[in-house]
Structure formats: C-alpha cells, structure tokens
N, C-alpha and C. Protein backbone atom coordinates (compact mmCIF):
# COMPACT_ATOMS: atom_id res chain seq x y z
N MET A 1 -17.69 -79.97 0.23
CA MET A 1 -18.41 -78.90 0.88
C MET A 1 -19.25 -78.16 -0.16
N THR A 2 -20.50 -77.92 0.18
CA THR A 2 -21.41 -77.19 -0.70
C THR A 2 -21.55 -75.76 -0.19
N LEU A 3 -21.34 -74.83 -1.10
CA LEU A 3 -21.44 -73.42 -0.75
C LEU A 3 -22.72 -72.81 -1.31
N ASN A 4 -23.28 -71.89 -0.57
CA ASN A 4 -24.35 -71.06 -1.11
C ASN A 4 -23.67 -69.91 -1.83
N PHE A 5 -24.01 -69.73 -3.08
CA PHE A 5 -23.40 -68.66 -3.85
C PHE A 5 -24.46 -67.97 -4.69
N THR A 6 -24.10 -66.82 -5.22
CA THR A 6 -24.96 -66.09 -6.13
C THR A 6 -24.19 -65.85 -7.42
N GLU A 7 -24.90 -65.60 -8.50
CA GLU A 7 -24.23 -65.27 -9.75
C GLU A 7 -23.73 -63.83 -9.67
N ASN A 8 -22.53 -63.61 -10.16
CA ASN A 8 -21.96 -62.28 -10.21
C ASN A 8 -22.77 -61.43 -11.20
N PRO A 9 -23.23 -60.24 -10.79
CA PRO A 9 -24.07 -59.43 -11.68
C PRO A 9 -23.38 -58.98 -12.97
N GLN A 10 -22.07 -58.76 -12.94
CA GLN A 10 -21.35 -58.33 -14.14
C GLN A 10 -20.87 -59.52 -14.98
N MET A 11 -20.68 -60.67 -14.35
CA MET A 11 -20.16 -61.86 -15.03
C MET A 11 -21.00 -63.06 -14.58
N PRO A 12 -22.13 -63.31 -15.24
CA PRO A 12 -23.07 -64.34 -14.78
C PRO A 12 -22.49 -65.75 -14.65
N SER A 13 -21.38 -66.05 -15.31
CA SER A 13 -20.81 -67.40 -15.18
C SER A 13 -19.96 -67.55 -13.92
N ILE A 14 -19.75 -66.45 -13.19
CA ILE A 14 -18.91 -66.45 -11.99
C ILE A 14 -19.78 -66.59 -10.75
N LYS A 15 -19.33 -67.42 -9.82
CA LYS A 15 -20.05 -67.64 -8.57
C LYS A 15 -19.47 -66.75 -7.48
N ASP A 16 -20.31 -65.88 -6.93
CA ASP A 16 -19.91 -65.03 -5.81
C ASP A 16 -20.25 -65.74 -4.51
N VAL A 17 -19.33 -65.72 -3.57
CA VAL A 17 -19.57 -66.27 -2.24
C VAL A 17 -19.35 -65.15 -1.23
N HIS A 18 -20.22 -65.07 -0.25
CA HIS A 18 -20.15 -63.99 0.75
C HIS A 18 -19.22 -64.40 1.90
N PRO A 19 -18.56 -63.42 2.51
CA PRO A 19 -17.63 -63.72 3.60
C PRO A 19 -18.21 -64.60 4.70
N GLU A 20 -19.44 -64.34 5.11
CA GLU A 20 -20.02 -65.13 6.20
C GLU A 20 -20.19 -66.60 5.82
N GLU A 21 -20.24 -66.89 4.52
CA GLU A 21 -20.40 -68.26 4.05
C GLU A 21 -19.11 -69.08 4.25
N ILE A 22 -17.97 -68.42 4.19
CA ILE A 22 -16.70 -69.16 4.24
C ILE A 22 -15.88 -68.92 5.50
N LYS A 23 -16.25 -67.96 6.32
CA LYS A 23 -15.41 -67.53 7.44
C LYS A 23 -15.02 -68.66 8.40
N ASN A 24 -15.85 -69.68 8.54
CA ASN A 24 -15.56 -70.76 9.48
C ASN A 24 -15.00 -72.01 8.81
N SER A 25 -14.76 -71.94 7.51
CA SER A 25 -14.25 -73.12 6.80
C SER A 25 -13.13 -72.77 5.83
N LEU A 26 -12.33 -71.79 6.18
CA LEU A 26 -11.27 -71.32 5.28
C LEU A 26 -10.30 -72.41 4.87
N SER A 27 -10.03 -73.35 5.76
CA SER A 27 -9.05 -74.40 5.44
C SER A 27 -9.56 -75.37 4.37
N SER A 28 -10.83 -75.30 4.03
CA SER A 28 -11.39 -76.16 3.00
C SER A 28 -11.10 -75.66 1.60
N PHE A 29 -10.51 -74.47 1.49
CA PHE A 29 -10.31 -73.81 0.20
C PHE A 29 -8.86 -73.42 -0.01
N GLN A 30 -8.53 -73.25 -1.29
CA GLN A 30 -7.30 -72.55 -1.64
C GLN A 30 -7.70 -71.08 -1.71
N LEU A 31 -7.11 -70.26 -0.89
CA LEU A 31 -7.41 -68.83 -0.87
C LEU A 31 -6.34 -68.12 -1.68
N ILE A 32 -6.75 -67.49 -2.76
CA ILE A 32 -5.81 -66.81 -3.65
C ILE A 32 -6.16 -65.33 -3.69
N ASP A 33 -5.24 -64.51 -3.25
CA ASP A 33 -5.40 -63.06 -3.24
C ASP A 33 -4.72 -62.51 -4.49
N VAL A 34 -5.49 -61.86 -5.36
CA VAL A 34 -4.96 -61.40 -6.65
C VAL A 34 -4.58 -59.91 -6.65
N ARG A 35 -4.50 -59.31 -5.47
CA ARG A 35 -4.08 -57.91 -5.39
C ARG A 35 -2.57 -57.80 -5.56
N GLU A 36 -2.07 -56.59 -5.55
CA GLU A 36 -0.63 -56.34 -5.63
C GLU A 36 -0.02 -56.51 -4.23
N PRO A 37 1.29 -56.78 -4.15
CA PRO A 37 1.92 -57.00 -2.84
C PRO A 37 1.68 -55.89 -1.82
N ASP A 38 1.71 -54.61 -2.25
CA ASP A 38 1.50 -53.53 -1.30
C ASP A 38 0.07 -53.50 -0.78
N GLU A 39 -0.88 -54.01 -1.54
CA GLU A 39 -2.26 -54.11 -1.06
C GLU A 39 -2.41 -55.26 -0.07
N TYR A 40 -1.74 -56.37 -0.38
CA TYR A 40 -1.80 -57.58 0.45
C TYR A 40 -1.33 -57.28 1.88
N THR A 41 -0.30 -56.44 1.99
CA THR A 41 0.23 -56.09 3.32
C THR A 41 -0.25 -54.72 3.78
N GLY A 42 -1.14 -54.09 3.00
CA GLY A 42 -1.61 -52.75 3.30
C GLY A 42 -2.70 -52.69 4.36
N PRO A 43 -3.40 -51.57 4.42
CA PRO A 43 -4.38 -51.31 5.48
C PRO A 43 -5.52 -52.33 5.58
N LEU A 44 -5.94 -52.91 4.45
CA LEU A 44 -7.02 -53.91 4.51
C LEU A 44 -6.52 -55.28 4.95
N GLY A 45 -5.20 -55.47 4.92
CA GLY A 45 -4.63 -56.75 5.31
C GLY A 45 -5.02 -57.85 4.34
N HIS A 46 -4.86 -59.09 4.79
CA HIS A 46 -5.25 -60.25 3.99
C HIS A 46 -5.79 -61.33 4.91
N ILE A 47 -6.45 -62.29 4.32
CA ILE A 47 -7.02 -63.40 5.07
C ILE A 47 -5.91 -64.39 5.38
N GLU A 48 -5.85 -64.85 6.61
CA GLU A 48 -4.84 -65.83 7.01
C GLU A 48 -4.90 -67.03 6.09
N GLY A 49 -3.74 -67.42 5.58
CA GLY A 49 -3.64 -68.58 4.71
C GLY A 49 -3.80 -68.26 3.23
N ALA A 50 -4.12 -67.00 2.91
CA ALA A 50 -4.28 -66.61 1.50
C ALA A 50 -2.92 -66.51 0.84
N GLN A 51 -2.83 -67.08 -0.34
CA GLN A 51 -1.60 -67.03 -1.12
C GLN A 51 -1.70 -65.84 -2.07
N LEU A 52 -0.66 -65.04 -2.12
CA LEU A 52 -0.63 -63.88 -3.02
C LEU A 52 -0.18 -64.31 -4.41
N ILE A 53 -1.08 -64.11 -5.38
CA ILE A 53 -0.74 -64.27 -6.79
C ILE A 53 -1.39 -63.09 -7.51
N PRO A 54 -0.63 -62.00 -7.73
CA PRO A 54 -1.22 -60.83 -8.39
C PRO A 54 -1.91 -61.20 -9.71
N LEU A 55 -2.97 -60.49 -10.01
CA LEU A 55 -3.78 -60.79 -11.19
C LEU A 55 -2.93 -60.91 -12.45
N ALA A 56 -1.97 -59.99 -12.63
CA ALA A 56 -1.13 -60.01 -13.83
C ALA A 56 -0.32 -61.30 -13.96
N ALA A 57 -0.07 -61.96 -12.85
CA ALA A 57 0.73 -63.21 -12.86
C ALA A 57 -0.14 -64.45 -12.66
N PHE A 58 -1.45 -64.29 -12.61
CA PHE A 58 -2.32 -65.40 -12.26
C PHE A 58 -2.21 -66.56 -13.24
N CYS A 59 -2.33 -66.28 -14.54
CA CYS A 59 -2.32 -67.37 -15.52
C CYS A 59 -1.03 -68.17 -15.51
N GLU A 60 0.10 -67.48 -15.38
CA GLU A 60 1.37 -68.21 -15.39
C GLU A 60 1.60 -69.00 -14.10
N ASN A 61 0.93 -68.61 -13.01
CA ASN A 61 1.10 -69.31 -11.74
C ASN A 61 -0.02 -70.30 -11.44
N SER A 62 -1.08 -70.30 -12.23
CA SER A 62 -2.20 -71.20 -11.94
C SER A 62 -1.84 -72.68 -11.98
N PRO A 63 -0.86 -73.13 -12.77
CA PRO A 63 -0.54 -74.56 -12.75
C PRO A 63 -0.07 -75.08 -11.38
N GLN A 64 0.43 -74.21 -10.51
CA GLN A 64 0.89 -74.66 -9.19
C GLN A 64 -0.27 -74.92 -8.23
N LEU A 65 -1.48 -74.54 -8.62
CA LEU A 65 -2.65 -74.73 -7.76
C LEU A 65 -3.26 -76.11 -7.96
N ASP A 66 -3.94 -76.58 -6.94
CA ASP A 66 -4.59 -77.89 -6.97
C ASP A 66 -5.98 -77.76 -7.56
N LYS A 67 -6.19 -78.31 -8.76
CA LYS A 67 -7.48 -78.19 -9.43
C LYS A 67 -8.58 -78.98 -8.74
N SER A 68 -8.22 -79.88 -7.84
CA SER A 68 -9.24 -80.69 -7.18
C SER A 68 -9.81 -80.01 -5.93
N LYS A 69 -9.16 -78.95 -5.46
CA LYS A 69 -9.61 -78.26 -4.25
C LYS A 69 -10.27 -76.94 -4.64
N PRO A 70 -11.43 -76.62 -4.06
CA PRO A 70 -12.11 -75.36 -4.41
C PRO A 70 -11.21 -74.15 -4.15
N VAL A 71 -11.36 -73.15 -5.02
CA VAL A 71 -10.55 -71.94 -4.96
C VAL A 71 -11.46 -70.74 -4.68
N ILE A 72 -11.05 -69.94 -3.69
CA ILE A 72 -11.70 -68.66 -3.42
C ILE A 72 -10.72 -67.58 -3.87
N LEU A 73 -11.16 -66.73 -4.80
CA LEU A 73 -10.33 -65.65 -5.29
C LEU A 73 -10.73 -64.35 -4.60
N ILE A 74 -9.71 -63.60 -4.20
CA ILE A 74 -9.90 -62.43 -3.32
C ILE A 74 -9.19 -61.23 -3.91
N CYS A 75 -9.84 -60.06 -3.82
CA CYS A 75 -9.18 -58.80 -4.15
C CYS A 75 -9.72 -57.72 -3.23
N ARG A 76 -9.55 -56.48 -3.59
CA ARG A 76 -9.99 -55.37 -2.74
C ARG A 76 -11.52 -55.29 -2.66
N SER A 77 -12.18 -55.33 -3.84
CA SER A 77 -13.63 -55.13 -3.86
C SER A 77 -14.42 -56.23 -4.54
N GLY A 78 -13.74 -57.16 -5.18
CA GLY A 78 -14.42 -58.27 -5.85
C GLY A 78 -14.41 -58.20 -7.36
N ILE A 79 -13.83 -57.16 -7.92
CA ILE A 79 -13.81 -57.02 -9.38
C ILE A 79 -12.65 -57.79 -10.01
N ARG A 80 -11.44 -57.56 -9.53
CA ARG A 80 -10.28 -58.30 -10.08
C ARG A 80 -10.40 -59.78 -9.82
N SER A 81 -10.91 -60.14 -8.63
CA SER A 81 -11.04 -61.56 -8.32
C SER A 81 -12.10 -62.23 -9.19
N ALA A 82 -13.12 -61.50 -9.62
CA ALA A 82 -14.10 -62.06 -10.56
C ALA A 82 -13.42 -62.36 -11.89
N LYS A 83 -12.55 -61.44 -12.32
CA LYS A 83 -11.80 -61.66 -13.57
C LYS A 83 -10.89 -62.88 -13.42
N ALA A 84 -10.21 -62.98 -12.28
CA ALA A 84 -9.33 -64.14 -12.04
C ALA A 84 -10.14 -65.43 -12.00
N SER A 85 -11.34 -65.38 -11.44
CA SER A 85 -12.19 -66.56 -11.41
C SER A 85 -12.55 -67.01 -12.83
N SER A 86 -12.81 -66.06 -13.69
CA SER A 86 -13.09 -66.37 -15.08
C SER A 86 -11.88 -67.01 -15.75
N TRP A 87 -10.71 -66.44 -15.51
CA TRP A 87 -9.48 -67.00 -16.08
C TRP A 87 -9.23 -68.41 -15.54
N ALA A 88 -9.49 -68.61 -14.24
CA ALA A 88 -9.28 -69.94 -13.64
C ALA A 88 -10.17 -70.97 -14.33
N LYS A 89 -11.40 -70.60 -14.62
CA LYS A 89 -12.30 -71.52 -15.32
C LYS A 89 -11.73 -71.87 -16.69
N GLU A 90 -11.16 -70.89 -17.38
CA GLU A 90 -10.56 -71.12 -18.69
C GLU A 90 -9.35 -72.05 -18.58
N CYS A 91 -8.69 -72.05 -17.41
CA CYS A 91 -7.51 -72.91 -17.18
C CYS A 91 -7.90 -74.30 -16.66
N GLY A 92 -9.19 -74.59 -16.58
CA GLY A 92 -9.62 -75.93 -16.18
C GLY A 92 -10.06 -76.09 -14.74
N PHE A 93 -10.14 -75.00 -13.98
CA PHE A 93 -10.62 -75.09 -12.61
C PHE A 93 -12.15 -75.08 -12.63
N GLU A 94 -12.77 -76.03 -11.92
CA GLU A 94 -14.22 -76.12 -11.93
C GLU A 94 -14.85 -75.49 -10.70
N ASN A 95 -14.19 -75.54 -9.57
CA ASN A 95 -14.74 -75.03 -8.32
C ASN A 95 -14.05 -73.74 -7.92
N THR A 96 -14.39 -72.67 -8.63
CA THR A 96 -13.83 -71.36 -8.31
C THR A 96 -14.94 -70.43 -7.85
N TYR A 97 -14.61 -69.62 -6.87
CA TYR A 97 -15.57 -68.68 -6.30
C TYR A 97 -14.90 -67.33 -6.13
N ASN A 98 -15.68 -66.29 -6.33
CA ASN A 98 -15.24 -64.93 -6.15
C ASN A 98 -15.71 -64.45 -4.77
N LEU A 99 -14.81 -63.90 -3.96
CA LEU A 99 -15.22 -63.37 -2.66
C LEU A 99 -15.98 -62.06 -2.89
N PHE A 100 -17.28 -62.11 -2.72
CA PHE A 100 -18.14 -60.95 -2.92
C PHE A 100 -17.71 -59.82 -1.98
N GLY A 101 -17.53 -58.63 -2.55
CA GLY A 101 -17.16 -57.47 -1.74
C GLY A 101 -15.69 -57.41 -1.37
N GLY A 102 -14.95 -58.46 -1.68
CA GLY A 102 -13.51 -58.50 -1.43
C GLY A 102 -13.12 -58.19 0.00
N MET A 103 -11.92 -57.68 0.15
CA MET A 103 -11.40 -57.36 1.49
C MET A 103 -12.12 -56.18 2.12
N ILE A 104 -12.74 -55.35 1.31
CA ILE A 104 -13.51 -54.24 1.88
C ILE A 104 -14.65 -54.80 2.73
N LEU A 105 -15.45 -55.71 2.15
CA LEU A 105 -16.57 -56.28 2.89
C LEU A 105 -16.07 -57.16 4.03
N TRP A 106 -15.00 -57.91 3.81
CA TRP A 106 -14.42 -58.76 4.86
C TRP A 106 -14.11 -57.90 6.09
N ASN A 107 -13.47 -56.76 5.86
CA ASN A 107 -13.13 -55.84 6.96
C ASN A 107 -14.37 -55.20 7.57
N GLU A 108 -15.34 -54.82 6.74
CA GLU A 108 -16.57 -54.22 7.27
C GLU A 108 -17.30 -55.17 8.21
N GLN A 109 -17.14 -56.47 7.99
CA GLN A 109 -17.77 -57.46 8.84
C GLN A 109 -16.88 -57.84 10.03
N SER A 110 -15.80 -57.11 10.20
CA SER A 110 -14.86 -57.30 11.31
C SER A 110 -14.33 -58.73 11.39
N LEU A 111 -14.08 -59.33 10.22
CA LEU A 111 -13.49 -60.67 10.18
C LEU A 111 -11.97 -60.55 10.32
N PRO A 112 -11.31 -61.59 10.80
CA PRO A 112 -9.87 -61.47 11.09
C PRO A 112 -9.00 -61.32 9.84
N THR A 113 -7.99 -60.49 9.99
CA THR A 113 -7.02 -60.27 8.91
C THR A 113 -5.61 -60.31 9.47
N GLN A 114 -4.67 -60.43 8.56
CA GLN A 114 -3.25 -60.32 8.89
C GLN A 114 -2.69 -59.18 8.04
N SER A 115 -1.59 -58.58 8.51
CA SER A 115 -0.97 -57.49 7.75
C SER A 115 0.23 -58.00 6.99
C-alpha cells in the first residue's frame, strides 16, 4: 500500500500521515499508540486495533513488532509519536509513519474511537 505523506516540520526524516489517508485501511498497518495507559483509555480514546506501547517502553518492546508491516505511531498530538517514529527507524523499521495531529485531530474529524 502506498500512502500519501508529508515531511514532519520538526523532524524532516519523519513521514506524517493524515487521519483521512488511513481511516479506511487500518488493518493494513500495525497501529502503535505511544501514550500512557490513562491517556489510551481517557477522553480521547484510542483507535480500534491500536496496541499500547508507551513511549518510555517503546525501544524495549519494538522487537515484538513485525518489521515487514508498515507501522503507524499515534499519540495525543503527534509529537511523541514523531519521536517514536524516529526511534523505530533507528531500530531497523523502514515503513514508519507518524499520525499527524494525533488523537486530537482524529477526534476532531469524528473518526471512530474506543475507550
């Protein structure tokens, strides 16, 4: 699957993908939410199928992920997930994307969430 993405303005090596680009093909990706557990189940909810791996534990848990399947990294606003995307690249992941605007933008676009 080919995604339309933009370069992250703060981290040019990171690919930002917008919610509308992935909303109908979520099963094609590994969805990794790097927020804390209380955020994952909090008011913004999470995307169905997203696996919770808090940013602080990302590097130690990255070996359990499939490097052959594209990864979408998710956080509240897109900042922590951009950092996680950078770390994923350092760990050998080639197809990593940062969810632009994070769960804030996902919710603003009235896309489905779980609590």
